[in-house]
N, C-alpha and C. Protein backbone atom coordinates (compact mmCIF):
# COMPACT_ATOMS: atom_id res chain seq x y z
N UNK A 1 69.19 -2.34 18.80
CA UNK A 1 69.86 -2.99 19.90
C UNK A 1 70.71 -1.97 20.67
N UNK A 2 71.46 -1.17 19.93
CA UNK A 2 72.34 -0.18 20.58
C UNK A 2 71.55 0.84 21.37
N UNK A 3 70.42 1.27 20.83
CA UNK A 3 69.61 2.28 21.53
C UNK A 3 68.98 1.69 22.79
N UNK A 4 68.60 0.43 22.75
CA UNK A 4 68.05 -0.23 23.94
C UNK A 4 69.11 -0.33 25.03
N UNK A 5 70.32 -0.68 24.64
CA UNK A 5 71.43 -0.76 25.60
C UNK A 5 71.71 0.62 26.21
N UNK A 6 71.73 1.63 25.36
CA UNK A 6 72.00 2.99 25.85
C UNK A 6 70.90 3.46 26.80
N UNK A 7 69.63 3.21 26.45
CA UNK A 7 68.53 3.61 27.33
C UNK A 7 68.65 2.90 28.68
N UNK A 8 68.93 1.61 28.67
CA UNK A 8 69.07 0.87 29.93
C UNK A 8 70.21 1.45 30.76
N UNK A 9 71.32 1.78 30.13
CA UNK A 9 72.46 2.35 30.86
C UNK A 9 72.11 3.70 31.47
N UNK A 10 71.41 4.53 30.71
CA UNK A 10 71.00 5.85 31.23
C UNK A 10 70.07 5.70 32.42
N UNK A 11 69.11 4.79 32.31
CA UNK A 11 68.18 4.56 33.42
C UNK A 11 68.91 4.05 34.65
N UNK A 12 69.79 3.10 34.46
CA UNK A 12 70.54 2.55 35.58
C UNK A 12 71.42 3.60 36.24
N UNK A 13 71.94 4.53 35.45
CA UNK A 13 72.77 5.60 36.04
C UNK A 13 71.96 6.49 36.97
N UNK A 14 70.64 6.47 36.81
CA UNK A 14 69.74 7.25 37.66
C UNK A 14 69.05 6.38 38.71
N UNK A 15 69.60 5.18 38.93
CA UNK A 15 69.08 4.22 39.92
C UNK A 15 67.69 3.70 39.57
N UNK A 16 67.35 3.69 38.31
CA UNK A 16 66.08 3.12 37.85
C UNK A 16 66.39 1.74 37.28
N UNK A 17 65.82 0.67 37.85
CA UNK A 17 66.11 -0.66 37.34
C UNK A 17 65.70 -0.81 35.88
N UNK A 18 66.58 -1.39 35.09
CA UNK A 18 66.31 -1.58 33.66
C UNK A 18 67.01 -2.84 33.19
N UNK A 19 66.41 -3.48 32.20
CA UNK A 19 67.01 -4.66 31.58
C UNK A 19 66.70 -4.64 30.09
N UNK A 20 67.33 -5.53 29.37
CA UNK A 20 67.17 -5.59 27.92
C UNK A 20 66.21 -6.70 27.54
N UNK A 21 65.36 -6.44 26.57
CA UNK A 21 64.47 -7.46 26.03
C UNK A 21 64.76 -7.60 24.54
N UNK A 22 64.55 -8.79 24.01
CA UNK A 22 64.82 -9.03 22.60
C UNK A 22 63.72 -9.87 21.98
N UNK A 23 63.42 -9.55 20.74
CA UNK A 23 62.41 -10.29 19.99
C UNK A 23 62.77 -10.27 18.51
N UNK A 24 62.32 -11.27 17.79
CA UNK A 24 62.39 -11.22 16.33
C UNK A 24 61.11 -10.52 15.87
N UNK A 25 61.27 -9.55 14.98
CA UNK A 25 60.11 -8.80 14.49
C UNK A 25 60.08 -8.80 12.97
N UNK A 26 58.90 -8.89 12.44
CA UNK A 26 58.71 -8.77 11.00
C UNK A 26 58.46 -7.30 10.74
N UNK A 27 59.37 -6.70 10.01
CA UNK A 27 59.30 -5.27 9.73
C UNK A 27 58.82 -5.09 8.30
N UNK A 28 57.60 -4.65 8.15
CA UNK A 28 57.01 -4.50 6.83
C UNK A 28 57.44 -3.20 6.15
N UNK A 29 58.12 -2.34 6.86
CA UNK A 29 58.66 -1.12 6.29
C UNK A 29 60.17 -1.21 6.36
N UNK A 30 60.79 -1.13 5.22
CA UNK A 30 62.23 -1.33 5.15
C UNK A 30 62.71 -0.61 3.89
N UNK A 31 63.98 -0.35 3.79
CA UNK A 31 64.49 0.22 2.54
C UNK A 31 64.86 -0.92 1.60
N UNK A 32 64.82 -0.65 0.32
CA UNK A 32 65.13 -1.68 -0.68
C UNK A 32 66.56 -2.18 -0.54
N UNK A 33 67.50 -1.27 -0.27
CA UNK A 33 68.90 -1.66 -0.13
C UNK A 33 69.10 -2.62 1.05
N UNK A 34 68.51 -2.28 2.19
CA UNK A 34 68.67 -3.15 3.36
C UNK A 34 67.95 -4.47 3.14
N UNK A 35 66.76 -4.43 2.55
CA UNK A 35 66.02 -5.67 2.28
C UNK A 35 66.82 -6.59 1.35
N UNK A 36 67.50 -6.02 0.35
CA UNK A 36 68.31 -6.82 -0.58
C UNK A 36 69.49 -7.46 0.15
N UNK A 37 70.10 -6.72 1.07
CA UNK A 37 71.22 -7.27 1.83
C UNK A 37 70.77 -8.34 2.82
N UNK A 38 69.63 -8.10 3.46
CA UNK A 38 69.15 -9.04 4.47
C UNK A 38 68.43 -10.23 3.85
N UNK A 39 67.82 -10.03 2.70
CA UNK A 39 67.02 -11.03 2.00
C UNK A 39 65.82 -11.53 2.81
N UNK A 40 65.31 -10.65 3.65
CA UNK A 40 64.15 -10.98 4.47
C UNK A 40 63.62 -9.68 5.10
N UNK A 41 62.40 -9.73 5.61
CA UNK A 41 61.88 -8.60 6.38
C UNK A 41 61.83 -8.96 7.87
N UNK A 42 62.50 -10.05 8.24
CA UNK A 42 62.56 -10.46 9.64
C UNK A 42 63.82 -9.86 10.28
N UNK A 43 63.63 -9.09 11.32
CA UNK A 43 64.74 -8.51 12.07
C UNK A 43 64.92 -9.35 13.33
N UNK A 44 65.99 -10.14 13.35
CA UNK A 44 66.22 -11.00 14.51
C UNK A 44 66.89 -10.20 15.63
N UNK A 45 66.52 -10.53 16.83
CA UNK A 45 67.08 -9.93 18.03
C UNK A 45 66.93 -8.40 18.06
N UNK A 46 65.73 -7.94 17.69
CA UNK A 46 65.40 -6.52 17.85
C UNK A 46 65.39 -6.21 19.35
N UNK A 47 66.05 -5.13 19.72
CA UNK A 47 66.17 -4.81 21.14
C UNK A 47 65.16 -3.77 21.61
N UNK A 48 64.74 -3.94 22.85
CA UNK A 48 63.93 -2.93 23.53
C UNK A 48 64.38 -2.91 24.99
N UNK A 49 63.89 -1.97 25.74
CA UNK A 49 64.30 -1.83 27.13
C UNK A 49 63.10 -2.08 28.03
N UNK A 50 63.32 -2.79 29.11
CA UNK A 50 62.29 -2.98 30.12
C UNK A 50 62.69 -2.17 31.35
N UNK A 51 61.74 -1.41 31.85
CA UNK A 51 62.00 -0.48 32.95
C UNK A 51 61.09 -0.86 34.12
N UNK A 52 61.65 -0.94 35.32
CA UNK A 52 60.86 -1.30 36.50
C UNK A 52 60.32 -0.02 37.14
N UNK A 53 59.02 0.16 36.99
CA UNK A 53 58.35 1.37 37.49
C UNK A 53 57.10 0.98 38.27
N UNK A 54 56.94 1.55 39.42
CA UNK A 54 55.75 1.32 40.25
C UNK A 54 55.41 -0.16 40.41
N UNK A 55 56.45 -0.96 40.66
CA UNK A 55 56.24 -2.36 40.97
C UNK A 55 56.03 -3.29 39.79
N UNK A 56 56.26 -2.80 38.55
CA UNK A 56 56.12 -3.71 37.40
C UNK A 56 57.08 -3.31 36.29
N UNK A 57 57.40 -4.29 35.43
CA UNK A 57 58.27 -4.07 34.28
C UNK A 57 57.43 -3.55 33.12
N UNK A 58 57.89 -2.45 32.52
CA UNK A 58 57.21 -1.83 31.38
C UNK A 58 58.21 -1.76 30.22
N UNK A 59 57.75 -2.13 29.02
CA UNK A 59 58.61 -2.16 27.84
C UNK A 59 58.61 -0.80 27.13
N UNK A 60 59.80 -0.41 26.68
CA UNK A 60 59.95 0.82 25.89
C UNK A 60 60.86 0.52 24.70
N UNK A 61 60.44 0.92 23.52
CA UNK A 61 61.21 0.69 22.30
C UNK A 61 61.81 2.00 21.82
N UNK A 62 63.11 2.19 21.99
CA UNK A 62 63.75 3.45 21.58
C UNK A 62 64.34 3.42 20.17
N UNK A 63 63.84 2.55 19.28
CA UNK A 63 64.52 2.34 18.00
C UNK A 63 64.38 3.48 16.99
N UNK A 64 63.18 4.00 16.80
CA UNK A 64 62.96 5.01 15.76
C UNK A 64 62.88 6.40 16.36
N UNK A 65 63.70 7.32 15.83
CA UNK A 65 63.58 8.72 16.25
C UNK A 65 62.47 9.38 15.42
N UNK A 66 62.16 10.63 15.70
CA UNK A 66 61.05 11.31 15.04
C UNK A 66 61.24 11.38 13.53
N UNK A 67 62.43 11.70 13.07
CA UNK A 67 62.63 11.82 11.62
C UNK A 67 62.45 10.48 10.91
N UNK A 68 62.84 9.38 11.54
CA UNK A 68 62.65 8.07 10.93
C UNK A 68 61.17 7.69 10.93
N UNK A 69 60.45 8.02 12.00
CA UNK A 69 59.00 7.79 12.02
C UNK A 69 58.33 8.55 10.89
N UNK A 70 58.73 9.80 10.71
CA UNK A 70 58.14 10.60 9.63
C UNK A 70 58.49 10.01 8.27
N UNK A 71 59.72 9.54 8.09
CA UNK A 71 60.14 8.96 6.80
C UNK A 71 59.35 7.70 6.48
N UNK A 72 59.00 6.91 7.49
CA UNK A 72 58.25 5.67 7.28
C UNK A 72 56.75 5.84 7.48
N UNK A 73 56.33 7.07 7.77
CA UNK A 73 54.91 7.37 7.94
C UNK A 73 54.27 6.55 9.06
N UNK A 74 54.96 6.49 10.20
CA UNK A 74 54.42 5.83 11.38
C UNK A 74 54.38 6.83 12.53
N UNK A 75 53.46 6.60 13.44
CA UNK A 75 53.36 7.47 14.61
C UNK A 75 54.54 7.21 15.54
N UNK A 76 55.11 8.26 16.10
CA UNK A 76 56.14 8.05 17.13
C UNK A 76 55.51 7.33 18.32
N UNK A 77 56.26 6.47 18.95
CA UNK A 77 55.74 5.78 20.12
C UNK A 77 55.71 6.73 21.30
N UNK A 78 54.66 6.61 22.07
CA UNK A 78 54.55 7.42 23.29
C UNK A 78 54.75 6.50 24.48
N UNK A 79 55.42 7.01 25.48
CA UNK A 79 55.68 6.23 26.68
C UNK A 79 55.16 7.00 27.88
N UNK A 80 54.21 6.39 28.59
CA UNK A 80 53.63 7.07 29.75
C UNK A 80 54.09 6.46 31.08
N UNK A 81 54.96 5.44 31.01
CA UNK A 81 55.48 4.84 32.23
C UNK A 81 54.54 3.83 32.87
N UNK A 82 53.36 3.63 32.30
CA UNK A 82 52.42 2.67 32.89
C UNK A 82 52.10 1.50 31.96
N UNK A 83 52.24 1.72 30.66
CA UNK A 83 51.93 0.67 29.67
C UNK A 83 53.13 0.44 28.76
N UNK A 84 53.19 -0.75 28.18
CA UNK A 84 54.25 -1.04 27.22
C UNK A 84 54.16 -0.10 26.04
N UNK A 85 55.32 0.33 25.57
CA UNK A 85 55.42 1.19 24.40
C UNK A 85 56.24 0.44 23.37
N UNK A 86 55.56 -0.39 22.57
CA UNK A 86 56.23 -1.17 21.54
C UNK A 86 55.67 -0.78 20.18
N UNK A 87 56.32 -1.22 19.13
CA UNK A 87 55.94 -0.78 17.79
C UNK A 87 54.47 -0.99 17.48
N UNK A 88 53.90 -0.03 16.75
CA UNK A 88 52.52 -0.13 16.30
C UNK A 88 52.42 -1.19 15.20
N UNK A 89 51.34 -1.96 15.19
CA UNK A 89 51.20 -2.97 14.13
C UNK A 89 50.90 -2.37 12.75
N UNK A 90 50.43 -1.11 12.70
CA UNK A 90 50.07 -0.49 11.43
C UNK A 90 50.68 0.89 11.30
N UNK A 91 50.91 1.34 10.06
CA UNK A 91 51.41 2.69 9.83
C UNK A 91 50.23 3.66 9.80
N UNK A 92 50.50 4.92 9.49
CA UNK A 92 49.44 5.94 9.50
C UNK A 92 48.39 5.72 8.42
N UNK A 93 48.70 4.91 7.41
CA UNK A 93 47.75 4.65 6.32
C UNK A 93 47.03 3.32 6.51
N UNK A 94 47.32 2.61 7.59
CA UNK A 94 46.67 1.33 7.86
C UNK A 94 47.40 0.13 7.30
N UNK A 95 48.59 0.32 6.75
CA UNK A 95 49.39 -0.79 6.23
C UNK A 95 50.12 -1.49 7.37
N UNK A 96 50.39 -2.79 7.22
CA UNK A 96 51.16 -3.53 8.21
C UNK A 96 52.49 -2.84 8.45
N UNK A 97 52.88 -2.71 9.71
CA UNK A 97 54.16 -2.07 10.03
C UNK A 97 55.09 -3.05 10.72
N UNK A 98 54.76 -3.46 11.91
CA UNK A 98 55.66 -4.28 12.71
C UNK A 98 54.87 -5.41 13.35
N UNK A 99 55.46 -6.58 13.35
CA UNK A 99 54.81 -7.75 13.92
C UNK A 99 55.84 -8.51 14.76
N UNK A 100 55.55 -8.70 16.03
CA UNK A 100 56.45 -9.45 16.90
C UNK A 100 56.24 -10.95 16.65
N UNK A 101 57.34 -11.66 16.36
CA UNK A 101 57.26 -13.06 15.96
C UNK A 101 57.76 -13.99 17.07
N UNK A 102 58.95 -13.72 17.61
CA UNK A 102 59.56 -14.58 18.62
C UNK A 102 60.09 -13.72 19.76
N UNK A 103 59.75 -14.08 20.98
CA UNK A 103 60.25 -13.38 22.16
C UNK A 103 61.45 -14.16 22.69
N UNK A 104 62.61 -13.48 22.78
CA UNK A 104 63.82 -14.13 23.29
C UNK A 104 64.01 -13.92 24.78
N UNK A 105 63.16 -13.12 25.39
CA UNK A 105 63.24 -12.92 26.83
C UNK A 105 63.99 -11.67 27.24
N UNK A 106 64.24 -11.59 28.54
CA UNK A 106 64.88 -10.42 29.15
C UNK A 106 66.26 -10.79 29.67
N UNK A 107 67.16 -9.81 29.63
CA UNK A 107 68.55 -10.04 30.01
C UNK A 107 69.09 -8.85 30.78
N UNK A 108 69.94 -9.13 31.77
CA UNK A 108 70.60 -8.05 32.51
C UNK A 108 71.70 -7.41 31.67
N UNK A 109 72.35 -8.21 30.82
CA UNK A 109 73.43 -7.72 29.97
C UNK A 109 73.16 -8.14 28.53
N UNK A 110 73.80 -7.48 27.61
CA UNK A 110 73.65 -7.77 26.19
C UNK A 110 74.19 -9.17 25.87
N UNK A 111 73.36 -10.09 25.38
CA UNK A 111 73.84 -11.42 25.01
C UNK A 111 74.42 -11.39 23.59
N UNK A 112 75.52 -10.67 23.44
CA UNK A 112 76.07 -10.36 22.12
C UNK A 112 76.39 -11.61 21.30
N UNK A 113 77.01 -12.61 21.90
CA UNK A 113 77.38 -13.80 21.14
C UNK A 113 76.14 -14.50 20.56
N UNK A 114 75.08 -14.61 21.36
CA UNK A 114 73.85 -15.25 20.88
C UNK A 114 73.21 -14.42 19.77
N UNK A 115 73.15 -13.13 19.97
CA UNK A 115 72.52 -12.26 18.98
C UNK A 115 73.31 -12.25 17.68
N UNK A 116 74.62 -12.14 17.76
CA UNK A 116 75.45 -12.11 16.56
C UNK A 116 75.36 -13.43 15.79
N UNK A 117 75.37 -14.55 16.50
CA UNK A 117 75.24 -15.85 15.84
C UNK A 117 73.90 -15.95 15.11
N UNK A 118 72.84 -15.46 15.73
CA UNK A 118 71.52 -15.49 15.10
C UNK A 118 71.48 -14.59 13.87
N UNK A 119 72.11 -13.42 13.96
CA UNK A 119 72.14 -12.51 12.81
C UNK A 119 72.94 -13.09 11.66
N UNK A 120 74.07 -13.71 11.96
CA UNK A 120 74.88 -14.31 10.90
C UNK A 120 74.13 -15.44 10.21
N UNK A 121 73.35 -16.18 10.96
CA UNK A 121 72.56 -17.26 10.38
C UNK A 121 71.40 -16.70 9.56
N UNK A 122 70.76 -15.66 10.04
CA UNK A 122 69.59 -15.10 9.36
C UNK A 122 69.96 -14.27 8.13
N UNK A 123 71.14 -13.64 8.15
CA UNK A 123 71.52 -12.72 7.07
C UNK A 123 72.89 -13.06 6.48
N UNK A 124 73.06 -14.24 5.91
CA UNK A 124 74.39 -14.61 5.41
C UNK A 124 74.90 -13.66 4.32
N UNK A 125 74.03 -13.21 3.43
CA UNK A 125 74.48 -12.31 2.36
C UNK A 125 74.98 -10.99 2.94
N UNK A 126 74.30 -10.50 3.93
CA UNK A 126 74.69 -9.25 4.58
C UNK A 126 76.12 -9.35 5.11
N UNK A 127 76.42 -10.44 5.80
CA UNK A 127 77.73 -10.60 6.40
C UNK A 127 78.80 -10.97 5.38
N UNK A 128 78.41 -11.58 4.27
CA UNK A 128 79.38 -11.94 3.24
C UNK A 128 79.74 -10.76 2.35
N UNK A 129 78.78 -9.89 2.06
CA UNK A 129 78.99 -8.86 1.05
C UNK A 129 78.99 -7.45 1.59
N UNK A 130 78.67 -7.27 2.84
CA UNK A 130 78.51 -5.92 3.38
C UNK A 130 79.84 -5.18 3.38
N UNK A 131 79.81 -3.99 2.82
CA UNK A 131 80.93 -3.07 2.91
C UNK A 131 80.42 -1.82 3.60
N UNK A 132 81.22 -1.30 4.46
CA UNK A 132 80.77 -0.10 5.16
C UNK A 132 80.75 1.06 4.17
N UNK A 133 79.54 1.47 3.84
CA UNK A 133 79.35 2.58 2.92
C UNK A 133 78.63 3.69 3.65
N UNK A 134 78.98 4.88 3.30
CA UNK A 134 78.25 6.00 3.86
C UNK A 134 76.85 5.94 3.30
N UNK A 135 75.87 6.13 4.13
CA UNK A 135 74.50 6.10 3.68
C UNK A 135 73.63 6.79 4.70
N UNK A 136 72.45 7.07 4.29
CA UNK A 136 71.51 7.75 5.17
C UNK A 136 70.20 6.98 5.14
N UNK A 137 70.01 6.13 6.16
CA UNK A 137 68.82 5.29 6.24
C UNK A 137 67.55 6.15 6.25
N UNK A 138 67.58 7.26 6.98
CA UNK A 138 66.42 8.16 7.01
C UNK A 138 66.09 8.67 5.61
N UNK A 139 67.11 9.10 4.87
CA UNK A 139 66.88 9.63 3.52
C UNK A 139 66.36 8.54 2.60
N UNK A 140 66.92 7.33 2.69
CA UNK A 140 66.43 6.21 1.89
C UNK A 140 64.96 5.94 2.19
N UNK A 141 64.62 5.91 3.46
CA UNK A 141 63.25 5.63 3.86
C UNK A 141 62.29 6.71 3.36
N UNK A 142 62.68 7.96 3.51
CA UNK A 142 61.82 9.06 3.06
C UNK A 142 61.63 9.02 1.55
N UNK A 143 62.70 8.76 0.82
CA UNK A 143 62.63 8.69 -0.65
C UNK A 143 61.70 7.55 -1.11
N UNK A 144 61.79 6.40 -0.47
CA UNK A 144 61.04 5.23 -0.89
C UNK A 144 59.61 5.21 -0.40
N UNK A 145 59.28 6.00 0.61
CA UNK A 145 57.94 5.93 1.21
C UNK A 145 57.13 7.19 0.99
N UNK A 146 57.46 7.95 -0.03
CA UNK A 146 56.67 9.15 -0.35
C UNK A 146 55.28 8.72 -0.81
N UNK A 147 54.32 9.55 -0.48
CA UNK A 147 53.00 9.29 -1.01
C UNK A 147 52.05 8.88 -0.04
């Protein structure tokens, strides 16, 4: 969500129209620690950015950087400005990766109250027990997805 907001802000600063899109996605690649806290593989209100280029809106997902893609063994998304660039349904080995479940639509601004309410409902254990701990999601992913 934060990366989608940042990408939209950067685009807008360059006079390129941009808006935020949100969807619930089933993420088949996750770390054990996060899965235990969330108690699901459904990521509610996953954010992406929609960019207005050459007369049409094109989706771009800025969520995973190269090191995270490598840790989860998925191809980095490529964006050519003409087609949507959203998560691949399969990883490099052919396993299920990401599945879009519910489209929440497009927004000019971050609908934080709606998104937070949905997250609190979807992940009660996370919000009840979460303590801010230093951790490295990339390292967890790489450790768990070797092979």
